Each structure stands twice: as C-alpha cells, then as structure tokens.
Amino acid sequence: MARDRKQEINYSRPIRQIAVGSMVLLLIILFLVWRIDSPRVERFRAQLIDQVVPNMEWAMAPVTAAARMIDDFQSYARIYQQNQELRRELQQMKAWKEAALQLEQKNAKLLDLNKVQLDPKLTYVTGVVIADSGSPFRQSLLLNVGSRDGIKDGWATMDGLGLVGRISGVGATTSRVILLTDSNSHIPVTIQPSGQRAILSGDAAALPRIEFVESPELVRPGDRVVSSGDGGLFPSGIVVGQVVQGRDKRLRVRLAADYERLEFLRVLRSHAQERITDPGGLLIPPEASADLPPVQGPMLPAEARNDG
C-alpha cells in the first residue's frame, strides 16, 4: 500500500509540471501573437476572437450578474438616501403646515374681531389669553394687558362673536376676566324683540340662566339677547347669545362667544355716563309765549287776592 502511494505521488508531480509548462507556453504564444504586428496575424487574431468570444458568454454570465447586482445595490442605496431626505423634508413641511394653520386661525380670529360692529364712541384694547383658571367652580381667564394699558376693573370683554365676560382684577401687566358662565357673574340684559329686561346669571354651566324676567310668557326660544347697559356696567347692544330652554325647563342663553377657542379678547373701554339731575323747566312754543301777557310777579291764588 505504501509503494502504491509513492508511485501515485511520483506520477502526479510530472503531470503537474507538464500542465504548468503547457499553460506557460500557451500564454507566451498568445502574448507573442498579440504583440506581432502583421496582417496575417491580425486576421488570425480576429478569427480567433470571433470563434472564442461568443462561446464564452456562459463564463461571463456570473460576472455580468454580479455587476448588475452591484449596480442594483448602489441604486437601492441611493433610493434609500433619497427616501430618508424626503421623509425629513416631509416632517419639516408638516411642521410648517401646522404653523401656517395656527397663523391662519389667529388671523381669522383677529379678522372676526375687526368685523364686530361697535358704537363708534367705544374704544378697545386687544389682549391675548395667556392662562385660565382650570377650575369647574371659578371660570376665568388671564389677559396680557393690565393697568399700564389703561385697563380698569369692570370693563366688558368680547371675542369676534359676542360678549365673553368682564374684567375682575387688574395688575400692572395682566388682568383677570370672569366669564359669563362663572357663578359670580350677573349682568343686565335685554331680550329682543319683546324688549324684556332680565338678569343673566352664571352657574358654572355652559348655558347661563335668565332670571328676573318681567314677562316670561313673552320670551321665546331663539330670541336674541343683548346687553342692556342698565347700571352703567356694560355698554348697551353687545350681542350675548340666543334664548334656549334647558333640561331643567328654565330659560337659558346659548352664548354667541366661542368659549372653546378664546385666544384674543377685546376689552371695551367704558366711560361713565353723564347723569342729568336738573328737572328742567316748562317748554312753551314761541307762538304761544308771544300771546301770553308778561308776568310781573308771583301769581297768587284767587282767595288770597280777595282777602287783599
């Protein structure tokens, strides 16, 4: 067995040497053929290429497939990078869209404030809502305007739709607004078209109740409610809302102001109304006064003149 293995080794070595030598010789011949500059050799090279190269497509197939895979991988990598960049741009666009929508809403609310028809004599200060009480019992807001802006306690506040509340507490740079739904809110109102006077009282509910109506039978759901101006607390004619009938069968008011989106409020400057204390005299038409005789003294009763 050992001798057979040695014989196999001795035979395989010369075969490998002959094969390597043949390959080297073939390569040298090919090199020389490609280096010789002769028309015959050129034709031979062309014929050799025409015969060998078409038959080598099977050998080039793996190389071609590998090259295509590499190109596809590079293409996928570029597509992935572009996808990531588009995702980042989309996130930025969403943020810009959200900012644009918020600005559009603020602009619409400011436009609504400008569209409110008020008495030309009334002036106002626009403030931004910066906080709320967050309490179900005390419903109020905090504005970023205060005494330095001329705000005074008791002034009315409204949004672009209707009356919101009144100023109750003024600081140097901020002021607190008590909403109409607060339990401490009681304002005089007029119900149109009947002209009934009443008091709108808050009870921590979304629909404040109507109290002390002169003739409740003249009030109907859907009637318009405005401020009456009685007592000089609020200017008259400010829209408050519409009359509705609550679940407790009591008359209530659906407020015109949008309490869910209070961002800007208009504080109305209220001025004390001039009170007339002089009862005045009797007004006589000019024609009638010309026919009357002049009065020379105080008129005495007939009994007094007879006694004289």
C-alpha atoms as a PDB file:
ATOM      1  CA  MET A   1       0.000   0.000   0.000  1.00  0.00           C
ATOM      2  CA  ALA A   2       2.868   2.372   0.805  1.00  0.00           C
ATOM      3  CA  ARG A   3       4.549   1.649  -2.502  1.00  0.00           C
ATOM      4  CA  ASP A   4       1.308   2.446  -4.395  1.00  0.00           C
ATOM      5  CA  ARG A   5       1.071   5.819  -2.719  1.00  0.00           C
ATOM      6  CA  LYS A   6       4.666   6.661  -3.583  1.00  0.00           C
ATOM      7  CA  GLN A   7       4.086   5.661  -7.179  1.00  0.00           C
ATOM      8  CA  GLU A   8       0.986   7.922  -7.321  1.00  0.00           C
ATOM      9  CA  ILE A   9       2.992  10.810  -5.940  1.00  0.00           C
ATOM     10  CA  ASN A  10       5.814  10.225  -8.367  1.00  0.00           C
ATOM     11  CA  TYR A  11       3.377  10.146 -11.310  1.00  0.00           C
ATOM     12  CA  SER A  12       1.317  13.177 -10.301  1.00  0.00           C
ATOM     13  CA  ARG A  13       4.258  15.523  -9.907  1.00  0.00           C
ATOM     14  CA  PRO A  14       5.480  15.210 -13.542  1.00  0.00           C
ATOM     15  CA  ILE A  15       1.891  15.612 -14.766  1.00  0.00           C
ATOM     16  CA  ARG A  16       1.503  18.867 -12.860  1.00  0.00           C
ATOM     17  CA  GLN A  17       4.831  20.096 -14.153  1.00  0.00           C
ATOM     18  CA  ILE A  18       3.845  19.269 -17.748  1.00  0.00           C
ATOM     19  CA  ALA A  19       0.455  21.019 -17.317  1.00  0.00           C
ATOM     20  CA  VAL A  20       2.002  24.156 -15.827  1.00  0.00           C
ATOM     21  CA  GLY A  21       4.630  24.259 -18.508  1.00  0.00           C
ATOM     22  CA  SER A  22       1.997  23.862 -21.215  1.00  0.00           C
ATOM     23  CA  MET A  23      -0.026  26.709 -19.761  1.00  0.00           C
ATOM     24  CA  VAL A  24       3.022  28.951 -19.586  1.00  0.00           C
ATOM     25  CA  LEU A  25       3.958  28.104 -23.137  1.00  0.00           C
ATOM     26  CA  LEU A  26       0.398  28.790 -24.311  1.00  0.00           C
ATOM     27  CA  LEU A  27       0.372  32.148 -22.584  1.00  0.00           C
ATOM     28  CA  ILE A  28       3.718  33.054 -24.119  1.00  0.00           C
ATOM     29  CA  ILE A  29       2.430  32.108 -27.568  1.00  0.00           C
ATOM     30  CA  LEU A  30      -0.734  34.196 -27.047  1.00  0.00           C
ATOM     31  CA  PHE A  31       1.329  37.105 -25.865  1.00  0.00           C
ATOM     32  CA  LEU A  32       3.569  36.879 -28.885  1.00  0.00           C
ATOM     33  CA  VAL A  33       0.600  36.525 -31.230  1.00  0.00           C
ATOM     34  CA  TRP A  34      -0.964  39.674 -29.763  1.00  0.00           C
ATOM     35  CA  ARG A  35       2.330  41.538 -29.962  1.00  0.00           C
ATOM     36  CA  ILE A  36       3.183  40.672 -33.581  1.00  0.00           C
ATOM     37  CA  ASP A  37       2.176  43.433 -35.965  1.00  0.00           C
ATOM     38  CA  SER A  38       1.345  41.598 -39.175  1.00  0.00           C
ATOM     39  CA  PRO A  39      -1.740  41.463 -41.420  1.00  0.00           C
ATOM     40  CA  ARG A  40      -1.835  37.663 -41.263  1.00  0.00           C
ATOM     41  CA  VAL A  41      -1.535  37.643 -37.517  1.00  0.00           C
ATOM     42  CA  GLU A  42      -4.208  40.332 -37.335  1.00  0.00           C
ATOM     43  CA  ARG A  43      -6.604  38.214 -39.375  1.00  0.00           C
ATOM     44  CA  PHE A  44      -5.759  35.232 -37.204  1.00  0.00           C
ATOM     45  CA  ARG A  45      -6.492  37.221 -34.062  1.00  0.00           C
ATOM     46  CA  ALA A  46      -9.838  38.400 -35.499  1.00  0.00           C
ATOM     47  CA  GLN A  47     -10.857  34.850 -36.420  1.00  0.00           C
ATOM     48  CA  LEU A  48      -9.792  33.589 -33.010  1.00  0.00           C
ATOM     49  CA  ILE A  49     -11.811  36.251 -31.236  1.00  0.00           C
ATOM     50  CA  ASP A  50     -14.841  35.530 -33.417  1.00  0.00           C
ATOM     51  CA  GLN A  51     -14.653  31.841 -32.586  1.00  0.00           C
ATOM     52  CA  VAL A  52     -13.855  32.042 -28.876  1.00  0.00           C
ATOM     53  CA  VAL A  53     -15.640  35.144 -27.516  1.00  0.00           C
ATOM     54  CA  PRO A  54     -19.235  34.165 -28.490  1.00  0.00           C
ATOM     55  CA  ASN A  55     -18.759  30.801 -26.851  1.00  0.00           C
ATOM     56  CA  MET A  56     -17.562  32.457 -23.606  1.00  0.00           C
ATOM     57  CA  GLU A  57     -20.902  34.073 -22.742  1.00  0.00           C
ATOM     58  CA  TRP A  58     -21.592  31.336 -20.200  1.00  0.00           C
ATOM     59  CA  ALA A  59     -18.362  32.211 -18.445  1.00  0.00           C
ATOM     60  CA  MET A  60     -19.190  35.929 -18.445  1.00  0.00           C
ATOM     61  CA  ALA A  61     -22.727  35.388 -17.172  1.00  0.00           C
ATOM     62  CA  PRO A  62     -21.727  35.290 -13.452  1.00  0.00           C
ATOM     63  CA  VAL A  63     -19.557  38.359 -13.900  1.00  0.00           C
ATOM     64  CA  THR A  64     -22.384  40.206 -15.652  1.00  0.00           C
ATOM     65  CA  ALA A  65     -24.870  39.154 -12.980  1.00  0.00           C
ATOM     66  CA  ALA A  66     -22.502  40.259 -10.221  1.00  0.00           C
ATOM     67  CA  ALA A  67     -22.015  43.627 -11.923  1.00  0.00           C
ATOM     68  CA  ARG A  68     -25.773  44.070 -12.222  1.00  0.00           C
ATOM     69  CA  MET A  69     -26.239  43.177  -8.566  1.00  0.00           C
ATOM     70  CA  ILE A  70     -23.647  45.738  -7.569  1.00  0.00           C
ATOM     71  CA  ASP A  71     -25.361  48.391  -9.711  1.00  0.00           C
ATOM     72  CA  ASP A  72     -28.745  47.486  -8.242  1.00  0.00           C
ATOM     73  CA  PHE A  73     -27.375  47.658  -4.701  1.00  0.00           C
ATOM     74  CA  GLN A  74     -25.888  51.080  -5.364  1.00  0.00           C
ATOM     75  CA  SER A  75     -29.186  52.173  -6.891  1.00  0.00           C
ATOM     76  CA  TYR A  76     -31.101  50.905  -3.852  1.00  0.00           C
ATOM     77  CA  ALA A  77     -28.690  52.744  -1.569  1.00  0.00           C
ATOM     78  CA  ARG A  78     -29.266  55.977  -3.471  1.00  0.00           C
ATOM     79  CA  ILE A  79     -33.032  55.446  -3.363  1.00  0.00           C
ATOM     80  CA  TYR A  80     -32.867  54.819   0.396  1.00  0.00           C
ATOM     81  CA  GLN A  81     -30.920  58.039   0.939  1.00  0.00           C
ATOM     82  CA  GLN A  82     -33.400  59.968  -1.197  1.00  0.00           C
ATOM     83  CA  ASN A  83     -36.266  58.403   0.755  1.00  0.00           C
ATOM     84  CA  GLN A  84     -34.734  59.480   4.054  1.00  0.00           C
ATOM     85  CA  GLU A  85     -34.226  63.016   2.748  1.00  0.00           C
ATOM     86  CA  LEU A  86     -37.831  63.133   1.534  1.00  0.00           C
ATOM     87  CA  ARG A  87     -39.033  61.924   4.930  1.00  0.00           C
ATOM     88  CA  ARG A  88     -37.102  64.699   6.669  1.00  0.00           C
ATOM     89  CA  GLU A  89     -38.463  67.266   4.242  1.00  0.00           C
ATOM     90  CA  LEU A  90     -41.981  65.900   4.789  1.00  0.00           C
ATOM     91  CA  GLN A  91     -41.612  66.287   8.546  1.00  0.00           C
ATOM     92  CA  GLN A  92     -40.458  69.876   8.059  1.00  0.00           C
ATOM     93  CA  MET A  93     -43.366  70.515   5.709  1.00  0.00           C
ATOM     94  CA  LYS A  94     -45.798  69.138   8.292  1.00  0.00           C
ATOM     95  CA  ALA A  95     -44.348  71.450  10.935  1.00  0.00           C
ATOM     96  CA  TRP A  96     -44.620  74.420   8.558  1.00  0.00           C
ATOM     97  CA  LYS A  97     -48.175  73.417   7.661  1.00  0.00           C
ATOM     98  CA  GLU A  98     -49.149  73.264  11.331  1.00  0.00           C
ATOM     99  CA  ALA A  99     -47.585  76.675  11.942  1.00  0.00           C
ATOM    100  CA  ALA A 100     -49.366  78.066   8.884  1.00  0.00           C
ATOM    101  CA  LEU A 101     -52.723  76.681  10.076  1.00  0.00           C
ATOM    102  CA  GLN A 102     -52.228  78.205  13.515  1.00  0.00           C
ATOM    103  CA  LEU A 103     -51.360  81.558  11.976  1.00  0.00           C
ATOM    104  CA  GLU A 104     -54.381  81.283   9.685  1.00  0.00           C
ATOM    105  CA  GLN A 105     -56.662  80.606  12.649  1.00  0.00           C
ATOM    106  CA  LYS A 106     -55.209  83.518  14.592  1.00  0.00           C
ATOM    107  CA  ASN A 107     -55.581  85.751  11.552  1.00  0.00           C
ATOM    108  CA  ALA A 108     -59.211  84.664  11.116  1.00  0.00           C
ATOM    109  CA  LYS A 109     -59.965  85.402  14.761  1.00  0.00           C
ATOM    110  CA  LEU A 110     -58.348  88.826  14.524  1.00  0.00           C
ATOM    111  CA  LEU A 111     -60.374  89.492  11.380  1.00  0.00           C
ATOM    112  CA  ASP A 112     -63.509  88.471  13.261  1.00  0.00           C
ATOM    113  CA  LEU A 113     -62.628  90.971  15.959  1.00  0.00           C
ATOM    114  CA  ASN A 114     -62.300  93.691  13.335  1.00  0.00           C
ATOM    115  CA  LYS A 115     -65.672  92.778  11.774  1.00  0.00           C
ATOM    116  CA  VAL A 116     -67.615  93.312  15.014  1.00  0.00           C
ATOM    117  CA  GLN A 117     -69.799  96.406  14.679  1.00  0.00           C
ATOM    118  CA  LEU A 118     -69.484  98.555  17.792  1.00  0.00           C
ATOM    119  CA  ASP A 119     -70.572 102.002  18.781  1.00  0.00           C
ATOM    120  CA  PRO A 120     -68.136 104.466  17.162  1.00  0.00           C
ATOM    121  CA  LYS A 121     -67.726 106.147  20.543  1.00  0.00           C
ATOM    122  CA  LEU A 122     -66.400 102.931  22.074  1.00  0.00           C
ATOM    123  CA  THR A 123     -62.681 102.203  22.001  1.00  0.00           C
ATOM    124  CA  TYR A 124     -60.993  98.952  22.915  1.00  0.00           C
ATOM    125  CA  VAL A 125     -57.734  97.202  23.736  1.00  0.00           C
ATOM    126  CA  THR A 126     -56.977  93.762  22.261  1.00  0.00           C
ATOM    127  CA  GLY A 127     -55.312  91.247  24.571  1.00  0.00           C
ATOM    128  CA  VAL A 128     -54.049  87.682  24.277  1.00  0.00           C
ATOM    129  CA  VAL A 129     -55.355  84.941  26.578  1.00  0.00           C
ATOM    130  CA  ILE A 130     -52.343  83.536  28.399  1.00  0.00           C
ATOM    131  CA  ALA A 131     -53.968  81.264  31.026  1.00  0.00           C
ATOM    132  CA  ASP A 132     -57.252  80.081  32.502  1.00  0.00           C
ATOM    133  CA  SER A 133     -58.315  79.106  35.981  1.00  0.00           C
ATOM    134  CA  GLY A 134     -58.856  75.437  35.173  1.00  0.00           C
ATOM    135  CA  SER A 135     -61.473  75.221  37.917  1.00  0.00           C
ATOM    136  CA  PRO A 136     -65.053  73.997  37.369  1.00  0.00           C
ATOM    137  CA  PHE A 137     -66.297  76.464  40.015  1.00  0.00           C
ATOM    138  CA  ARG A 138     -64.351  79.607  39.162  1.00  0.00           C
ATOM    139  CA  GLN A 139     -64.278  80.159  35.406  1.00  0.00           C
ATOM    140  CA  SER A 140     -61.923  82.952  34.428  1.00  0.00           C
ATOM    141  CA  LEU A 141     -59.135  83.880  32.048  1.00  0.00           C
ATOM    142  CA  LEU A 142     -55.903  85.843  32.261  1.00  0.00           C
ATOM    143  CA  LEU A 143     -55.038  88.506  29.656  1.00  0.00           C
ATOM    144  CA  ASN A 144     -51.656  90.026  28.883  1.00  0.00           C
ATOM    145  CA  VAL A 145     -52.919  93.609  29.279  1.00  0.00           C
ATOM    146  CA  GLY A 146     -53.158  95.490  32.544  1.00  0.00           C
ATOM    147  CA  SER A 147     -53.145  98.888  34.190  1.00  0.00           C
ATOM    148  CA  ARG A 148     -50.234 100.116  32.077  1.00  0.00           C
ATOM    149  CA  ASP A 149     -52.534  99.638  29.069  1.00  0.00           C
ATOM    150  CA  GLY A 150     -55.320 101.615  30.752  1.00  0.00           C
ATOM    151  CA  ILE A 151     -57.420  98.580  31.731  1.00  0.00           C
ATOM    152  CA  LYS A 152     -59.876  99.177  34.563  1.00  0.00           C
ATOM    153  CA  ASP A 153     -61.913  96.861  36.728  1.00  0.00           C
ATOM    154  CA  GLY A 154     -65.422  96.107  35.443  1.00  0.00           C
ATOM    155  CA  TRP A 155     -64.826  96.672  31.721  1.00  0.00           C
ATOM    156  CA  ALA A 156     -66.529  94.307  29.284  1.00  0.00           C
ATOM    157  CA  THR A 157     -64.612  91.794  27.170  1.00  0.00           C
ATOM    158  CA  MET A 158     -65.695  90.111  23.937  1.00  0.00           C
ATOM    159  CA  ASP A 159     -64.326  87.986  21.131  1.00  0.00           C
ATOM    160  CA  GLY A 160     -65.215  88.220  17.450  1.00  0.00           C
ATOM    161  CA  LEU A 161     -68.725  86.841  18.075  1.00  0.00           C
ATOM    162  CA  GLY A 162     -70.136  88.191  21.304  1.00  0.00           C
ATOM    163  CA  LEU A 163     -69.750  89.120  24.961  1.00  0.00           C
ATOM    164  CA  VAL A 164     -67.349  86.933  26.967  1.00  0.00           C
ATOM    165  CA  GLY A 165     -67.211  88.450  30.446  1.00  0.00           C
ATOM    166  CA  ARG A 166     -65.869  91.360  32.455  1.00  0.00           C
ATOM    167  CA  ILE A 167     -62.583  92.464  33.980  1.00  0.00           C
ATOM    168  CA  SER A 168     -62.291  91.473  37.631  1.00  0.00           C
ATOM    169  CA  GLY A 169     -58.851  92.234  38.949  1.00  0.00           C
ATOM    170  CA  VAL A 170     -56.183  94.318  37.234  1.00  0.00           C
ATOM    171  CA  GLY A 171     -52.431  94.059  37.596  1.00  0.00           C
ATOM    172  CA  ALA A 172     -49.639  96.073  36.039  1.00  0.00           C
ATOM    173  CA  THR A 173     -49.239  93.801  33.007  1.00  0.00           C
ATOM    174  CA  THR A 174     -52.119  91.316  33.330  1.00  0.00           C
ATOM    175  CA  SER A 175     -55.827  91.324  34.101  1.00  0.00           C
ATOM    176  CA  ARG A 176     -58.348  88.648  35.014  1.00  0.00           C
ATOM    177  CA  VAL A 177     -61.610  88.108  33.137  1.00  0.00           C
ATOM    178  CA  ILE A 178     -64.616  86.499  34.820  1.00  0.00           C
ATOM    179  CA  LEU A 179     -66.633  84.640  32.209  1.00  0.00           C
ATOM    180  CA  LEU A 180     -70.411  84.895  31.866  1.00  0.00           C
ATOM    181  CA  THR A 181     -70.646  81.250  32.971  1.00  0.00           C
ATOM    182  CA  ASP A 182     -68.979  81.955  36.338  1.00  0.00           C
ATOM    183  CA  SER A 183     -71.257  81.756  39.369  1.00  0.00           C
ATOM    184  CA  ASN A 184     -70.249  85.297  40.362  1.00  0.00           C
ATOM    185  CA  SER A 185     -71.356  86.782  37.035  1.00  0.00           C
ATOM    186  CA  HIS A 186     -74.649  88.709  36.961  1.00  0.00           C
ATOM    187  CA  ILE A 187     -75.280  91.191  34.158  1.00  0.00           C
ATOM    188  CA  PRO A 188     -78.425  93.016  32.987  1.00  0.00           C
ATOM    189  CA  VAL A 189     -79.610  92.039  29.505  1.00  0.00           C
ATOM    190  CA  THR A 190     -82.407  92.833  27.084  1.00  0.00           C
ATOM    191  CA  ILE A 191     -84.315  90.105  25.236  1.00  0.00           C
ATOM    192  CA  GLN A 192     -85.311  91.051  21.702  1.00  0.00           C
ATOM    193  CA  PRO A 193     -87.743  91.560  20.048  1.00  0.00           C
ATOM    194  CA  SER A 194     -90.003  91.664  23.120  1.00  0.00           C
ATOM    195  CA  GLY A 195     -87.724  94.144  24.909  1.00  0.00           C
ATOM    196  CA  GLN A 196     -87.932  92.262  28.206  1.00  0.00           C
ATOM    197  CA  ARG A 197     -85.320  93.164  30.795  1.00  0.00           C
ATOM    198  CA  ALA A 198     -83.645  90.358  32.745  1.00  0.00           C
ATOM    199  CA  ILE A 199     -80.509  89.313  34.603  1.00  0.00           C
ATOM    200  CA  LEU A 200     -78.100  86.784  33.074  1.00  0.00           C
ATOM    201  CA  SER A 201     -76.572  84.728  35.893  1.00  0.00           C
ATOM    202  CA  GLY A 202     -73.829  82.162  35.574  1.00  0.00           C
ATOM    203  CA  ASP A 203     -73.996  78.853  37.404  1.00  0.00           C
ATOM    204  CA  ALA A 204     -70.789  77.110  36.171  1.00  0.00           C
ATOM    205  CA  ALA A 205     -72.763  75.597  33.281  1.00  0.00           C
ATOM    206  CA  ALA A 206     -72.250  76.125  29.571  1.00  0.00           C
ATOM    207  CA  LEU A 207     -75.654  77.830  29.312  1.00  0.00           C
ATOM    208  CA  PRO A 208     -76.145  80.621  31.895  1.00  0.00           C
ATOM    209  CA  ARG A 209     -79.697  81.086  33.143  1.00  0.00           C
ATOM    210  CA  ILE A 210     -82.078  84.007  32.700  1.00  0.00           C
ATOM    211  CA  GLU A 211     -83.563  85.414  35.914  1.00  0.00           C
ATOM    212  CA  PHE A 212     -85.985  88.159  36.967  1.00  0.00           C
ATOM    213  CA  VAL A 213     -87.786  88.405  33.628  1.00  0.00           C
ATOM    214  CA  GLU A 214     -90.596  90.952  33.638  1.00  0.00           C
ATOM    215  CA  SER A 215     -92.968  88.868  31.482  1.00  0.00           C
ATOM    216  CA  PRO A 216     -91.640  85.341  30.880  1.00  0.00           C
ATOM    217  CA  GLU A 217     -94.566  84.474  28.622  1.00  0.00           C
ATOM    218  CA  LEU A 218     -93.273  86.975  26.043  1.00  0.00           C
ATOM    219  CA  VAL A 219     -89.875  85.263  25.802  1.00  0.00           C
ATOM    220  CA  ARG A 220     -89.446  82.520  23.188  1.00  0.00           C
ATOM    221  CA  PRO A 221     -86.513  80.191  22.401  1.00  0.00           C
ATOM    222  CA  GLY A 222     -84.463  81.731  19.653  1.00  0.00           C
ATOM    223  CA  ASP A 223     -84.902  85.325  20.865  1.00  0.00           C
ATOM    224  CA  ARG A 224     -81.815  87.491  20.699  1.00  0.00           C
ATOM    225  CA  VAL A 225     -80.129  88.535  23.937  1.00  0.00           C
ATOM    226  CA  VAL A 226     -78.011  91.711  24.146  1.00  0.00           C
ATOM    227  CA  SER A 227     -76.561  93.760  26.965  1.00  0.00           C
ATOM    228  CA  SER A 228     -78.970  96.393  28.266  1.00  0.00           C
ATOM    229  CA  GLY A 229     -76.477  98.873  29.671  1.00  0.00           C
ATOM    230  CA  ASP A 230     -78.516  99.252  32.879  1.00  0.00           C
ATOM    231  CA  GLY A 231     -76.434 100.403  35.800  1.00  0.00           C
ATOM    232  CA  GLY A 232     -73.642 101.584  33.537  1.00  0.00           C
ATOM    233  CA  LEU A 233     -71.776  98.277  33.901  1.00  0.00           C
ATOM    234  CA  PHE A 234     -71.636  97.372  30.208  1.00  0.00           C
ATOM    235  CA  PRO A 235     -72.337  99.298  27.034  1.00  0.00           C
ATOM    236  CA  SER A 236     -75.748  98.506  25.607  1.00  0.00           C
ATOM    237  CA  GLY A 237     -76.338  96.481  22.447  1.00  0.00           C
ATOM    238  CA  ILE A 238     -73.482  93.974  22.753  1.00  0.00           C
ATOM    239  CA  VAL A 239     -74.538  90.548  21.474  1.00  0.00           C
ATOM    240  CA  VAL A 240     -74.736  87.912  24.223  1.00  0.00           C
ATOM    241  CA  GLY A 241     -76.493  84.963  22.560  1.00  0.00           C
ATOM    242  CA  GLN A 242     -79.885  83.323  21.969  1.00  0.00           C
ATOM    243  CA  VAL A 243     -82.577  82.112  24.348  1.00  0.00           C
ATOM    244  CA  VAL A 244     -82.899  78.334  24.729  1.00  0.00           C
ATOM    245  CA  GLN A 245     -84.832  76.105  27.102  1.00  0.00           C
ATOM    246  CA  GLY A 246     -82.610  73.984  29.302  1.00  0.00           C
ATOM    247  CA  ARG A 247     -83.185  70.456  30.504  1.00  0.00           C
ATOM    248  CA  ASP A 248     -84.496  71.877  33.761  1.00  0.00           C
ATOM    249  CA  LYS A 249     -87.209  73.749  31.742  1.00  0.00           C
ATOM    250  CA  ARG A 250     -85.617  77.069  32.670  1.00  0.00           C
ATOM    251  CA  LEU A 251     -84.774  79.794  30.187  1.00  0.00           C
ATOM    252  CA  ARG A 252     -81.101  79.880  29.425  1.00  0.00           C
ATOM    253  CA  VAL A 253     -78.800  81.533  26.878  1.00  0.00           C
ATOM    254  CA  ARG A 254     -76.616  79.843  24.295  1.00  0.00           C
ATOM    255  CA  LEU A 255     -73.661  82.225  24.249  1.00  0.00           C
ATOM    256  CA  ALA A 256     -72.530  83.652  20.932  1.00  0.00           C
ATOM    257  CA  ALA A 257     -68.871  83.697  22.007  1.00  0.00           C
ATOM    258  CA  ASP A 258     -66.795  80.612  21.203  1.00  0.00           C
ATOM    259  CA  TYR A 259     -65.517  79.637  24.648  1.00  0.00           C
ATOM    260  CA  GLU A 260     -63.574  76.685  23.236  1.00  0.00           C
ATOM    261  CA  ARG A 261     -61.258  78.904  21.191  1.00  0.00           C
ATOM    262  CA  LEU A 262     -60.609  82.034  23.193  1.00  0.00           C
ATOM    263  CA  GLU A 263     -57.201  83.298  22.143  1.00  0.00           C
ATOM    264  CA  PHE A 264     -57.794  87.035  21.618  1.00  0.00           C
ATOM    265  CA  LEU A 265     -60.194  89.247  23.562  1.00  0.00           C
ATOM    266  CA  ARG A 266     -61.256  92.828  23.033  1.00  0.00           C
ATOM    267  CA  VAL A 267     -61.541  94.898  26.212  1.00  0.00           C
ATOM    268  CA  LEU A 268     -64.105  97.678  25.739  1.00  0.00           C
ATOM    269  CA  ARG A 269     -63.319 100.998  27.370  1.00  0.00           C
ATOM    270  CA  SER A 270     -66.410 102.008  29.342  1.00  0.00           C
ATOM    271  CA  HIS A 271     -66.926 105.638  30.221  1.00  0.00           C
ATOM    272  CA  ALA A 272     -69.188 106.861  32.968  1.00  0.00           C
ATOM    273  CA  GLN A 273     -72.446 108.178  31.574  1.00  0.00           C
ATOM    274  CA  GLU A 274     -73.400 111.732  32.365  1.00  0.00           C
ATOM    275  CA  ARG A 275     -76.284 111.893  34.812  1.00  0.00           C
ATOM    276  CA  ILE A 276     -78.933 114.612  34.443  1.00  0.00           C
ATOM    277  CA  THR A 277     -80.063 115.926  37.831  1.00  0.00           C
ATOM    278  CA  ASP A 278     -81.781 119.160  36.697  1.00  0.00           C
ATOM    279  CA  PRO A 279     -85.532 118.503  36.223  1.00  0.00           C
ATOM    280  CA  GLY A 280     -85.724 121.341  33.690  1.00  0.00           C
ATOM    281  CA  GLY A 281     -88.448 123.913  33.083  1.00  0.00           C
ATOM    282  CA  LEU A 282     -91.680 124.022  31.132  1.00  0.00           C
ATOM    283  CA  LEU A 283     -91.052 124.398  27.412  1.00  0.00           C
ATOM    284  CA  ILE A 284     -93.530 126.724  25.668  1.00  0.00           C
ATOM    285  CA  PRO A 285     -93.740 127.085  21.889  1.00  0.00           C
ATOM    286  CA  PRO A 286     -92.603 130.527  20.623  1.00  0.00           C
ATOM    287  CA  GLU A 287     -96.072 131.374  19.175  1.00  0.00           C
ATOM    288  CA  ALA A 288     -97.899 130.607  22.431  1.00  0.00           C
ATOM    289  CA  SER A 289     -95.411 132.532  24.505  1.00  0.00           C
ATOM    290  CA  ALA A 290     -95.946 135.692  22.400  1.00  0.00           C
ATOM    291  CA  ASP A 291     -99.713 135.759  23.185  1.00  0.00           C
ATOM    292  CA  LEU A 292     -99.257 135.442  26.943  1.00  0.00           C
ATOM    293  CA  PRO A 293     -99.108 138.709  28.992  1.00  0.00           C
ATOM    294  CA  PRO A 294     -95.886 139.369  30.827  1.00  0.00           C
ATOM    295  CA  VAL A 295     -95.772 138.131  34.384  1.00  0.00           C
ATOM    296  CA  GLN A 296     -94.850 140.974  36.767  1.00  0.00           C
ATOM    297  CA  GLY A 297     -94.769 138.993  39.977  1.00  0.00           C
ATOM    298  CA  PRO A 298     -95.657 135.754  41.583  1.00  0.00           C
ATOM    299  CA  MET A 299     -99.173 134.542  40.830  1.00  0.00           C
ATOM    300  CA  LEU A 300    -101.393 134.429  43.943  1.00  0.00           C
ATOM    301  CA  PRO A 301    -104.474 132.279  44.420  1.00  0.00           C
ATOM    302  CA  ALA A 302    -107.897 133.933  43.971  1.00  0.00           C
ATOM    303  CA  GLU A 303    -108.698 133.635  47.673  1.00  0.00           C
ATOM    304  CA  ALA A 304    -105.560 135.456  48.574  1.00  0.00           C
ATOM    305  CA  ARG A 305    -106.358 138.297  46.149  1.00  0.00           C
ATOM    306  CA  ASN A 306    -109.884 138.701  47.557  1.00  0.00           C
ATOM    307  CA  ASP A 307    -108.508 138.842  51.089  1.00  0.00           C
ATOM    308  CA  GLY A 308    -106.219 141.597  49.985  1.00  0.00           C
END
